[in-house]
Amino acid sequence: MDSIVSLLNTLNGLSPLAVIALLGTVIYILVKGKTPTARKVNEITDNHLHDLPSMATDIKDIAETLRRMETKAIEEFSYLKARINGKG
């Protein structure tokens, strides 16, 4: 907090043209400079996620297969349970 106050006091002592030049310099550095955050954003935007729809389809197919396997296992278990009880 003290550094912000000292910065504002320094800016208060400068002329308006110097403050405008300082702000212009800061804006230029922010726009031109490649910060590590900007590189990470570029990596995320360059990551192509075109495989997501096919992955979703594959997951749905796997879920359907697992449902069929579960149903089959339930049927076989019911058959075995009936055989054990002597009703089969």
N, C-alpha and C. Protein backbone atom coordinates (compact mmCIF):
# COMPACT_ATOMS: atom_id res chain seq x y z
N MET A 1 0.82 -1.18 0.00
CA MET A 1 0.00 0.00 0.00
C MET A 1 0.88 1.25 0.00
N ASP A 2 1.98 1.20 0.72
CA ASP A 2 2.88 2.35 0.76
C ASP A 2 3.50 2.62 -0.61
N SER A 3 3.77 1.56 -1.37
CA SER A 3 4.36 1.76 -2.69
C SER A 3 3.37 2.46 -3.62
N ILE A 4 2.08 2.16 -3.48
CA ILE A 4 1.07 2.82 -4.31
C ILE A 4 0.98 4.30 -3.95
N VAL A 5 1.03 4.59 -2.66
CA VAL A 5 0.96 5.98 -2.22
C VAL A 5 2.18 6.75 -2.71
N SER A 6 3.36 6.14 -2.62
CA SER A 6 4.56 6.83 -3.10
C SER A 6 4.52 7.02 -4.62
N LEU A 7 3.97 6.05 -5.34
CA LEU A 7 3.82 6.19 -6.79
C LEU A 7 2.88 7.34 -7.12
N LEU A 8 1.76 7.41 -6.42
CA LEU A 8 0.80 8.51 -6.66
C LEU A 8 1.41 9.86 -6.31
N ASN A 9 2.19 9.93 -5.26
CA ASN A 9 2.86 11.19 -4.91
C ASN A 9 3.86 11.59 -5.98
N THR A 10 4.58 10.60 -6.52
CA THR A 10 5.53 10.89 -7.60
C THR A 10 4.80 11.37 -8.85
N LEU A 11 3.71 10.70 -9.20
CA LEU A 11 2.93 11.11 -10.36
C LEU A 11 2.32 12.49 -10.16
N ASN A 12 1.95 12.82 -8.94
CA ASN A 12 1.39 14.13 -8.64
C ASN A 12 2.43 15.23 -8.86
N GLY A 13 3.69 14.90 -8.63
CA GLY A 13 4.75 15.88 -8.82
C GLY A 13 5.15 16.06 -10.28
N LEU A 14 4.78 15.14 -11.14
CA LEU A 14 5.14 15.24 -12.55
C LEU A 14 4.15 16.12 -13.30
N SER A 15 4.57 16.54 -14.47
CA SER A 15 3.69 17.34 -15.30
C SER A 15 2.64 16.43 -15.96
N PRO A 16 1.53 16.99 -16.41
CA PRO A 16 0.51 16.18 -17.07
C PRO A 16 1.04 15.46 -18.32
N LEU A 17 1.94 16.11 -19.07
CA LEU A 17 2.51 15.48 -20.25
C LEU A 17 3.35 14.26 -19.87
N ALA A 18 4.06 14.33 -18.75
CA ALA A 18 4.88 13.19 -18.31
C ALA A 18 3.98 12.03 -17.88
N VAL A 19 2.87 12.32 -17.23
CA VAL A 19 1.94 11.27 -16.81
C VAL A 19 1.33 10.59 -18.04
N ILE A 20 0.96 11.40 -19.05
CA ILE A 20 0.41 10.84 -20.28
C ILE A 20 1.44 9.96 -20.97
N ALA A 21 2.69 10.40 -21.02
CA ALA A 21 3.75 9.61 -21.63
C ALA A 21 3.98 8.31 -20.86
N LEU A 22 3.92 8.38 -19.54
CA LEU A 22 4.10 7.19 -18.72
C LEU A 22 2.97 6.20 -18.96
N LEU A 23 1.74 6.68 -19.02
CA LEU A 23 0.60 5.81 -19.29
C LEU A 23 0.68 5.21 -20.69
N GLY A 24 1.11 6.00 -21.65
CA GLY A 24 1.29 5.48 -23.01
C GLY A 24 2.34 4.38 -23.05
N THR A 25 3.42 4.56 -22.30
CA THR A 25 4.47 3.55 -22.24
C THR A 25 3.95 2.26 -21.61
N VAL A 26 3.19 2.39 -20.53
CA VAL A 26 2.64 1.21 -19.86
C VAL A 26 1.69 0.46 -20.80
N ILE A 27 0.83 1.20 -21.49
CA ILE A 27 -0.10 0.56 -22.43
C ILE A 27 0.66 -0.14 -23.55
N TYR A 28 1.70 0.51 -24.07
CA TYR A 28 2.50 -0.10 -25.12
C TYR A 28 3.14 -1.40 -24.63
N ILE A 29 3.70 -1.39 -23.43
CA ILE A 29 4.34 -2.59 -22.89
C ILE A 29 3.32 -3.70 -22.71
N LEU A 30 2.12 -3.36 -22.23
CA LEU A 30 1.09 -4.38 -22.04
C LEU A 30 0.60 -4.97 -23.35
N VAL A 31 0.48 -4.14 -24.37
CA VAL A 31 -0.01 -4.62 -25.66
C VAL A 31 1.07 -5.39 -26.40
N LYS A 32 2.28 -4.86 -26.42
CA LYS A 32 3.36 -5.45 -27.19
C LYS A 32 3.98 -6.65 -26.51
N GLY A 33 4.16 -6.56 -25.21
CA GLY A 33 4.90 -7.59 -24.48
C GLY A 33 4.18 -8.91 -24.41
N LYS A 34 4.93 -9.97 -24.49
CA LYS A 34 4.39 -11.31 -24.32
C LYS A 34 4.73 -11.77 -22.90
N THR A 35 3.75 -11.75 -22.08
CA THR A 35 3.95 -12.20 -20.71
C THR A 35 3.74 -13.71 -20.65
N PRO A 36 4.18 -14.35 -19.58
CA PRO A 36 3.93 -15.80 -19.46
C PRO A 36 2.44 -16.13 -19.50
N THR A 37 1.61 -15.24 -18.97
CA THR A 37 0.17 -15.47 -19.01
C THR A 37 -0.33 -15.45 -20.45
N ALA A 38 0.18 -14.52 -21.25
CA ALA A 38 -0.24 -14.44 -22.65
C ALA A 38 0.18 -15.70 -23.40
N ARG A 39 1.35 -16.25 -23.07
CA ARG A 39 1.78 -17.48 -23.72
C ARG A 39 0.88 -18.65 -23.35
N LYS A 40 0.45 -18.69 -22.08
CA LYS A 40 -0.46 -19.76 -21.65
C LYS A 40 -1.80 -19.63 -22.35
N VAL A 41 -2.28 -18.40 -22.52
CA VAL A 41 -3.54 -18.19 -23.22
C VAL A 41 -3.41 -18.64 -24.67
N ASN A 42 -2.28 -18.34 -25.30
CA ASN A 42 -2.06 -18.79 -26.68
C ASN A 42 -2.02 -20.30 -26.77
N GLU A 43 -1.42 -20.97 -25.78
CA GLU A 43 -1.40 -22.43 -25.79
C GLU A 43 -2.81 -22.98 -25.69
N ILE A 44 -3.63 -22.36 -24.87
CA ILE A 44 -5.01 -22.83 -24.72
C ILE A 44 -5.79 -22.58 -26.00
N THR A 45 -5.63 -21.40 -26.61
CA THR A 45 -6.38 -21.10 -27.83
C THR A 45 -5.89 -21.91 -29.01
N ASP A 46 -4.62 -22.30 -29.00
CA ASP A 46 -4.09 -23.11 -30.10
C ASP A 46 -4.42 -24.59 -29.94
N ASN A 47 -4.91 -24.98 -28.77
CA ASN A 47 -5.25 -26.38 -28.53
C ASN A 47 -6.55 -26.69 -29.26
N HIS A 48 -6.48 -27.55 -30.24
CA HIS A 48 -7.64 -27.87 -31.04
C HIS A 48 -8.43 -28.99 -30.38
N LEU A 49 -9.66 -28.72 -30.10
CA LEU A 49 -10.51 -29.68 -29.41
C LEU A 49 -11.51 -30.30 -30.36
N HIS A 50 -11.10 -30.52 -31.60
CA HIS A 50 -12.03 -31.05 -32.60
C HIS A 50 -12.39 -32.50 -32.34
N ASP A 51 -11.66 -33.20 -31.47
CA ASP A 51 -11.95 -34.60 -31.20
C ASP A 51 -13.05 -34.78 -30.15
N LEU A 52 -13.48 -33.71 -29.51
CA LEU A 52 -14.46 -33.85 -28.44
C LEU A 52 -15.78 -34.48 -28.88
N PRO A 53 -16.37 -34.12 -30.02
CA PRO A 53 -17.62 -34.78 -30.41
C PRO A 53 -17.47 -36.29 -30.61
N SER A 54 -16.38 -36.71 -31.22
CA SER A 54 -16.18 -38.15 -31.41
C SER A 54 -15.94 -38.85 -30.08
N MET A 55 -15.26 -38.17 -29.15
CA MET A 55 -15.06 -38.75 -27.84
C MET A 55 -16.40 -38.91 -27.11
N ALA A 56 -17.27 -37.94 -27.25
CA ALA A 56 -18.59 -38.02 -26.61
C ALA A 56 -19.39 -39.18 -27.19
N THR A 57 -19.31 -39.37 -28.50
CA THR A 57 -19.99 -40.50 -29.14
C THR A 57 -19.44 -41.83 -28.64
N ASP A 58 -18.12 -41.92 -28.53
CA ASP A 58 -17.50 -43.15 -28.03
C ASP A 58 -17.95 -43.45 -26.60
N ILE A 59 -18.03 -42.42 -25.78
CA ILE A 59 -18.45 -42.62 -24.39
C ILE A 59 -19.90 -43.09 -24.33
N LYS A 60 -20.75 -42.54 -25.19
CA LYS A 60 -22.14 -43.00 -25.23
C LYS A 60 -22.22 -44.45 -25.67
N ASP A 61 -21.41 -44.84 -26.65
CA ASP A 61 -21.39 -46.23 -27.10
C ASP A 61 -20.92 -47.16 -25.98
N ILE A 62 -19.91 -46.76 -25.26
CA ILE A 62 -19.41 -47.56 -24.14
C ILE A 62 -20.47 -47.70 -23.06
N ALA A 63 -21.18 -46.60 -22.77
CA ALA A 63 -22.24 -46.65 -21.76
C ALA A 63 -23.34 -47.61 -22.18
N GLU A 64 -23.71 -47.59 -23.45
CA GLU A 64 -24.74 -48.51 -23.94
C GLU A 64 -24.28 -49.97 -23.83
N THR A 65 -23.04 -50.23 -24.17
CA THR A 65 -22.49 -51.58 -24.05
C THR A 65 -22.50 -52.04 -22.60
N LEU A 66 -22.11 -51.16 -21.70
CA LEU A 66 -22.12 -51.52 -20.28
C LEU A 66 -23.53 -51.79 -19.77
N ARG A 67 -24.51 -51.03 -20.26
CA ARG A 67 -25.90 -51.29 -19.88
C ARG A 67 -26.35 -52.68 -20.34
N ARG A 68 -25.99 -53.03 -21.58
CA ARG A 68 -26.35 -54.36 -22.09
C ARG A 68 -25.68 -55.46 -21.27
N MET A 69 -24.41 -55.25 -20.91
CA MET A 69 -23.70 -56.24 -20.10
C MET A 69 -24.36 -56.38 -18.73
N GLU A 70 -24.77 -55.26 -18.15
CA GLU A 70 -25.42 -55.30 -16.84
C GLU A 70 -26.74 -56.05 -16.92
N THR A 71 -27.51 -55.77 -17.96
CA THR A 71 -28.80 -56.44 -18.13
C THR A 71 -28.59 -57.95 -18.29
N LYS A 72 -27.62 -58.34 -19.08
CA LYS A 72 -27.32 -59.76 -19.29
C LYS A 72 -26.89 -60.42 -17.99
N ALA A 73 -26.06 -59.74 -17.22
CA ALA A 73 -25.60 -60.29 -15.95
C ALA A 73 -26.76 -60.46 -14.98
N ILE A 74 -27.69 -59.51 -14.97
CA ILE A 74 -28.86 -59.60 -14.10
C ILE A 74 -29.71 -60.79 -14.50
N GLU A 75 -29.90 -60.99 -15.81
CA GLU A 75 -30.70 -62.13 -16.28
C GLU A 75 -30.05 -63.45 -15.88
N GLU A 76 -28.74 -63.56 -16.05
CA GLU A 76 -28.05 -64.79 -15.71
C GLU A 76 -28.07 -65.03 -14.21
N PHE A 77 -27.94 -63.96 -13.44
CA PHE A 77 -28.00 -64.11 -11.99
C PHE A 77 -29.38 -64.57 -11.56
N SER A 78 -30.41 -64.02 -12.16
CA SER A 78 -31.78 -64.46 -11.84
C SER A 78 -31.97 -65.93 -12.17
N TYR A 79 -31.44 -66.38 -13.30
CA TYR A 79 -31.53 -67.78 -13.70
C TYR A 79 -30.83 -68.67 -12.67
N LEU A 80 -29.60 -68.27 -12.28
CA LEU A 80 -28.85 -69.06 -11.30
C LEU A 80 -29.58 -69.10 -9.96
N LYS A 81 -30.15 -67.98 -9.56
CA LYS A 81 -30.88 -67.91 -8.29
C LYS A 81 -32.10 -68.82 -8.34
N ALA A 82 -32.80 -68.86 -9.47
CA ALA A 82 -33.96 -69.73 -9.62
C ALA A 82 -33.53 -71.20 -9.60
N ARG A 83 -32.40 -71.52 -10.22
CA ARG A 83 -31.91 -72.91 -10.23
C ARG A 83 -31.55 -73.36 -8.82
N ILE A 84 -30.94 -72.45 -8.06
CA ILE A 84 -30.56 -72.80 -6.70
C ILE A 84 -31.80 -73.06 -5.85
N ASN A 85 -32.83 -72.27 -6.06
CA ASN A 85 -34.07 -72.44 -5.31
C ASN A 85 -34.92 -73.59 -5.82
N GLY A 86 -34.51 -74.24 -6.89
CA GLY A 86 -35.21 -75.41 -7.40
C GLY A 86 -36.38 -75.08 -8.29
N LYS A 87 -36.44 -73.89 -8.83
CA LYS A 87 -37.57 -73.52 -9.67
C LYS A 87 -37.17 -73.46 -11.14
N GLY A 88 -35.99 -73.90 -11.50
CA GLY A 88 -35.56 -73.74 -12.86
C GLY A 88 -35.47 -74.94 -13.68
